[in-house]
Structure formats: structure tokens, C-alpha cells
Amino acid sequence: MSNHTVERRLFEIARRLRSAQEELAVVEEQFEALNDAAEDLRLRSLVSETPLAHREYTEAARHAAAMDRSRSTLVASIAEMRRSQDELLDKLVFTAE
């Protein structure tokens, strides 16, 4: 693989990595908000002991769990991009020697 191709791929991965990290920051913020809301609804459900309060908590907990899965997927994607970036940097360094 030529240095030009490696550099082009590195720039593309760097762009995607930046975008994914920005998205992760937003997802983490949303997850925290959803998780806090679910915890509040859990406590409200325990205190009120009504079916409606329990349903509200269950729904909020499902939303928080879905956001957590999205966050985990994004974290795994970022880790994979970093591995790819490291491999390309190794190719670039070893080709230059």
C-alpha cells in the first residue's frame, strides 16, 4: 500500500473518529439524563405503588437501556477505528524506514 493511500485512509479515519467522539459525548449526556429520569421514576414507583407509576418507570428504564446499548456500540466502533488508525500509522512508519 502506498504512503499516499495510507495517508488518505488515515485522514478519513481521523475524520470519522472525530465525528464518532462528538456523537459519543452527546449520547453519554442523553444516557445520563435518561438514566437519572429512570431512577427518579423508580423511586416514585416504589413510593406510590401504582401500576401507572411502575409502567412509567419500566418505559424510562427501557429507553435508558437502549441508549446504553447505543453508547456501547459507539464505544466499540471508536475502539475499532483507533485500532485501524494504529495499524495504518505502523504501516506509514515502517514504509518510511
N, C-alpha and C. Protein backbone atom coordinates (compact mmCIF):
# COMPACT_ATOMS: atom_id res chain seq x y z
N MET A 1 0.85 -1.17 0.00
CA MET A 1 0.00 0.00 0.00
C MET A 1 0.90 1.24 0.00
N SER A 2 0.64 2.17 -0.88
CA SER A 2 1.49 3.36 -0.98
C SER A 2 1.24 4.31 0.19
N ASN A 3 2.24 5.14 0.44
CA ASN A 3 2.11 6.12 1.53
C ASN A 3 0.92 7.04 1.30
N HIS A 4 0.69 7.40 0.05
CA HIS A 4 -0.43 8.29 -0.27
C HIS A 4 -1.77 7.64 0.13
N THR A 5 -1.90 6.35 -0.18
CA THR A 5 -3.14 5.63 0.16
C THR A 5 -3.29 5.53 1.68
N VAL A 6 -2.19 5.23 2.36
CA VAL A 6 -2.22 5.13 3.82
C VAL A 6 -2.60 6.47 4.43
N GLU A 7 -2.00 7.54 3.93
CA GLU A 7 -2.31 8.88 4.46
C GLU A 7 -3.77 9.24 4.22
N ARG A 8 -4.27 8.92 3.04
CA ARG A 8 -5.68 9.22 2.72
C ARG A 8 -6.60 8.45 3.67
N ARG A 9 -6.28 7.17 3.91
CA ARG A 9 -7.10 6.38 4.83
C ARG A 9 -7.00 6.91 6.26
N LEU A 10 -5.80 7.35 6.64
CA LEU A 10 -5.62 7.93 7.98
C LEU A 10 -6.47 9.18 8.16
N PHE A 11 -6.48 10.06 7.16
CA PHE A 11 -7.30 11.27 7.24
C PHE A 11 -8.78 10.93 7.34
N GLU A 12 -9.21 9.91 6.58
CA GLU A 12 -10.62 9.51 6.62
C GLU A 12 -10.98 8.94 8.00
N ILE A 13 -10.12 8.09 8.53
CA ILE A 13 -10.38 7.52 9.86
C ILE A 13 -10.37 8.62 10.92
N ALA A 14 -9.45 9.56 10.81
CA ALA A 14 -9.39 10.67 11.78
C ALA A 14 -10.69 11.47 11.74
N ARG A 15 -11.21 11.71 10.54
CA ARG A 15 -12.47 12.46 10.39
C ARG A 15 -13.62 11.68 11.02
N ARG A 16 -13.69 10.38 10.72
CA ARG A 16 -14.76 9.54 11.28
C ARG A 16 -14.63 9.42 12.79
N LEU A 17 -13.40 9.33 13.28
CA LEU A 17 -13.15 9.22 14.71
C LEU A 17 -13.60 10.48 15.44
N ARG A 18 -13.27 11.63 14.89
CA ARG A 18 -13.71 12.90 15.50
C ARG A 18 -15.23 12.97 15.56
N SER A 19 -15.86 12.59 14.48
CA SER A 19 -17.33 12.62 14.42
C SER A 19 -17.93 11.66 15.45
N ALA A 20 -17.37 10.46 15.54
CA ALA A 20 -17.88 9.46 16.49
C ALA A 20 -17.67 9.91 17.93
N GLN A 21 -16.55 10.57 18.21
CA GLN A 21 -16.31 11.06 19.57
C GLN A 21 -17.28 12.17 19.94
N GLU A 22 -17.59 13.03 18.98
CA GLU A 22 -18.59 14.08 19.23
C GLU A 22 -19.96 13.45 19.49
N GLU A 23 -20.29 12.44 18.68
CA GLU A 23 -21.57 11.75 18.86
C GLU A 23 -21.61 11.04 20.21
N LEU A 24 -20.48 10.46 20.62
CA LEU A 24 -20.41 9.78 21.91
C LEU A 24 -20.67 10.75 23.05
N ALA A 25 -20.13 11.94 22.96
CA ALA A 25 -20.35 12.94 24.01
C ALA A 25 -21.84 13.24 24.15
N VAL A 26 -22.53 13.37 23.02
CA VAL A 26 -23.97 13.64 23.04
C VAL A 26 -24.73 12.45 23.60
N VAL A 27 -24.37 11.25 23.15
CA VAL A 27 -25.05 10.03 23.60
C VAL A 27 -24.85 9.84 25.10
N GLU A 28 -23.64 10.09 25.59
CA GLU A 28 -23.39 9.94 27.03
C GLU A 28 -24.22 10.93 27.84
N GLU A 29 -24.35 12.14 27.34
CA GLU A 29 -25.16 13.14 28.03
C GLU A 29 -26.64 12.72 28.05
N GLN A 30 -27.11 12.23 26.91
CA GLN A 30 -28.50 11.76 26.84
C GLN A 30 -28.72 10.56 27.74
N PHE A 31 -27.75 9.64 27.75
CA PHE A 31 -27.87 8.47 28.60
C PHE A 31 -27.97 8.87 30.07
N GLU A 32 -27.11 9.80 30.50
CA GLU A 32 -27.15 10.25 31.89
C GLU A 32 -28.51 10.84 32.24
N ALA A 33 -29.05 11.65 31.33
CA ALA A 33 -30.36 12.26 31.58
C ALA A 33 -31.45 11.18 31.66
N LEU A 34 -31.42 10.25 30.72
CA LEU A 34 -32.43 9.18 30.73
C LEU A 34 -32.29 8.29 31.95
N ASN A 35 -31.06 8.00 32.32
CA ASN A 35 -30.82 7.15 33.48
C ASN A 35 -31.28 7.84 34.77
N ASP A 36 -31.00 9.14 34.89
CA ASP A 36 -31.46 9.90 36.06
C ASP A 36 -32.98 9.93 36.12
N ALA A 37 -33.62 10.14 34.96
CA ALA A 37 -35.08 10.16 34.93
C ALA A 37 -35.64 8.79 35.31
N ALA A 38 -35.02 7.73 34.83
CA ALA A 38 -35.49 6.38 35.16
C ALA A 38 -35.34 6.13 36.66
N GLU A 39 -34.25 6.58 37.23
CA GLU A 39 -34.05 6.38 38.68
C GLU A 39 -35.10 7.16 39.47
N ASP A 40 -35.39 8.39 39.05
CA ASP A 40 -36.44 9.17 39.73
C ASP A 40 -37.80 8.46 39.64
N LEU A 41 -38.10 7.94 38.45
CA LEU A 41 -39.37 7.24 38.27
C LEU A 41 -39.39 5.92 39.05
N ARG A 42 -38.26 5.28 39.21
CA ARG A 42 -38.20 4.05 40.01
C ARG A 42 -38.56 4.36 41.46
N LEU A 43 -37.97 5.43 41.98
CA LEU A 43 -38.28 5.81 43.36
C LEU A 43 -39.75 6.21 43.51
N ARG A 44 -40.24 6.96 42.54
CA ARG A 44 -41.65 7.36 42.57
C ARG A 44 -42.56 6.13 42.52
N SER A 45 -42.16 5.15 41.72
CA SER A 45 -42.93 3.92 41.61
C SER A 45 -42.94 3.16 42.94
N LEU A 46 -41.81 3.11 43.60
CA LEU A 46 -41.74 2.43 44.89
C LEU A 46 -42.61 3.11 45.94
N VAL A 47 -42.62 4.44 45.92
CA VAL A 47 -43.37 5.19 46.92
C VAL A 47 -44.87 5.11 46.63
N SER A 48 -45.25 5.29 45.38
CA SER A 48 -46.69 5.34 45.07
C SER A 48 -47.32 3.96 44.93
N GLU A 49 -46.53 2.97 44.52
CA GLU A 49 -47.02 1.60 44.35
C GLU A 49 -48.25 1.51 43.45
N THR A 50 -48.26 2.31 42.39
CA THR A 50 -49.37 2.23 41.44
C THR A 50 -48.88 1.61 40.14
N PRO A 51 -49.79 0.94 39.42
CA PRO A 51 -49.40 0.34 38.14
C PRO A 51 -48.91 1.39 37.12
N LEU A 52 -49.53 2.56 37.13
CA LEU A 52 -49.12 3.61 36.20
C LEU A 52 -47.68 4.06 36.47
N ALA A 53 -47.37 4.26 37.72
CA ALA A 53 -46.01 4.68 38.08
C ALA A 53 -45.00 3.60 37.70
N HIS A 54 -45.38 2.35 37.89
CA HIS A 54 -44.48 1.25 37.52
C HIS A 54 -44.27 1.20 36.00
N ARG A 55 -45.34 1.40 35.24
CA ARG A 55 -45.24 1.42 33.77
C ARG A 55 -44.34 2.55 33.31
N GLU A 56 -44.50 3.73 33.92
CA GLU A 56 -43.66 4.87 33.56
C GLU A 56 -42.18 4.56 33.82
N TYR A 57 -41.93 3.95 34.97
CA TYR A 57 -40.55 3.58 35.29
C TYR A 57 -40.01 2.55 34.29
N THR A 58 -40.81 1.53 34.00
CA THR A 58 -40.38 0.47 33.07
C THR A 58 -40.05 1.06 31.71
N GLU A 59 -40.88 1.95 31.23
CA GLU A 59 -40.64 2.57 29.93
C GLU A 59 -39.37 3.43 29.95
N ALA A 60 -39.19 4.20 31.00
CA ALA A 60 -37.99 5.04 31.12
C ALA A 60 -36.73 4.17 31.22
N ALA A 61 -36.83 3.07 31.95
CA ALA A 61 -35.68 2.16 32.08
C ALA A 61 -35.35 1.53 30.74
N ARG A 62 -36.35 1.21 29.94
CA ARG A 62 -36.11 0.65 28.60
C ARG A 62 -35.40 1.66 27.71
N HIS A 63 -35.81 2.93 27.79
CA HIS A 63 -35.16 3.98 26.99
C HIS A 63 -33.70 4.15 27.42
N ALA A 64 -33.47 4.13 28.72
CA ALA A 64 -32.10 4.27 29.22
C ALA A 64 -31.25 3.08 28.78
N ALA A 65 -31.82 1.88 28.83
CA ALA A 65 -31.08 0.68 28.41
C ALA A 65 -30.76 0.73 26.91
N ALA A 66 -31.71 1.21 26.12
CA ALA A 66 -31.47 1.33 24.67
C ALA A 66 -30.35 2.34 24.40
N MET A 67 -30.36 3.45 25.13
CA MET A 67 -29.31 4.44 24.95
C MET A 67 -27.96 3.88 25.40
N ASP A 68 -27.96 3.07 26.44
CA ASP A 68 -26.73 2.44 26.91
C ASP A 68 -26.18 1.48 25.86
N ARG A 69 -27.07 0.75 25.19
CA ARG A 69 -26.62 -0.14 24.11
C ARG A 69 -26.04 0.67 22.96
N SER A 70 -26.66 1.78 22.62
CA SER A 70 -26.13 2.65 21.57
C SER A 70 -24.75 3.17 21.96
N ARG A 71 -24.62 3.55 23.20
CA ARG A 71 -23.35 4.06 23.70
C ARG A 71 -22.27 2.97 23.61
N SER A 72 -22.61 1.76 24.01
CA SER A 72 -21.66 0.65 23.95
C SER A 72 -21.23 0.35 22.52
N THR A 73 -22.17 0.38 21.61
CA THR A 73 -21.86 0.16 20.20
C THR A 73 -20.93 1.24 19.68
N LEU A 74 -21.18 2.47 20.05
CA LEU A 74 -20.34 3.58 19.62
C LEU A 74 -18.94 3.48 20.22
N VAL A 75 -18.84 3.10 21.48
CA VAL A 75 -17.54 2.92 22.12
C VAL A 75 -16.74 1.83 21.40
N ALA A 76 -17.40 0.74 21.05
CA ALA A 76 -16.73 -0.35 20.32
C ALA A 76 -16.28 0.11 18.94
N SER A 77 -17.11 0.90 18.29
CA SER A 77 -16.76 1.44 16.97
C SER A 77 -15.54 2.36 17.06
N ILE A 78 -15.51 3.19 18.08
CA ILE A 78 -14.36 4.10 18.28
C ILE A 78 -13.10 3.29 18.54
N ALA A 79 -13.21 2.25 19.35
CA ALA A 79 -12.05 1.40 19.63
C ALA A 79 -11.53 0.75 18.34
N GLU A 80 -12.44 0.30 17.51
CA GLU A 80 -12.04 -0.32 16.23
C GLU A 80 -11.36 0.71 15.32
N MET A 81 -11.90 1.91 15.27
CA MET A 81 -11.27 2.96 14.45
C MET A 81 -9.87 3.28 14.96
N ARG A 82 -9.70 3.30 16.27
CA ARG A 82 -8.37 3.57 16.83
C ARG A 82 -7.39 2.45 16.49
N ARG A 83 -7.87 1.20 16.53
CA ARG A 83 -7.00 0.08 16.14
C ARG A 83 -6.59 0.21 14.67
N SER A 84 -7.56 0.54 13.82
CA SER A 84 -7.26 0.73 12.40
C SER A 84 -6.26 1.86 12.21
N GLN A 85 -6.47 2.93 12.94
CA GLN A 85 -5.58 4.07 12.86
C GLN A 85 -4.15 3.68 13.28
N ASP A 86 -4.03 2.92 14.35
CA ASP A 86 -2.72 2.46 14.81
C ASP A 86 -2.04 1.58 13.76
N GLU A 87 -2.82 0.68 13.15
CA GLU A 87 -2.26 -0.18 12.11
C GLU A 87 -1.76 0.64 10.92
N LEU A 88 -2.54 1.62 10.52
CA LEU A 88 -2.13 2.47 9.39
C LEU A 88 -0.89 3.30 9.75
N LEU A 89 -0.84 3.78 10.97
CA LEU A 89 0.34 4.54 11.39
C LEU A 89 1.59 3.64 11.39
N ASP A 90 1.41 2.39 11.83
CA ASP A 90 2.52 1.45 11.78
C ASP A 90 2.99 1.23 10.34
N LYS A 91 2.05 1.07 9.42
CA LYS A 91 2.41 0.89 8.01
C LYS A 91 3.17 2.11 7.49
N LEU A 92 2.69 3.28 7.88
CA LEU A 92 3.32 4.52 7.42
C LEU A 92 4.74 4.63 7.96
N VAL A 93 4.94 4.30 9.21
CA VAL A 93 6.26 4.39 9.84
C VAL A 93 7.21 3.35 9.26
N PHE A 94 6.74 2.11 9.11
CA PHE A 94 7.60 1.04 8.62
C PHE A 94 7.91 1.21 7.13
N THR A 95 7.01 1.84 6.39
CA THR A 95 7.26 2.09 4.97
C THR A 95 8.31 3.20 4.82
N ALA A 96 8.31 4.15 5.76
CA ALA A 96 9.24 5.28 5.69
C ALA A 96 10.66 4.86 6.04
N GLU A 97 10.82 3.76 6.75
CA GLU A 97 12.16 3.33 7.19
C GLU A 97 12.96 2.73 6.08
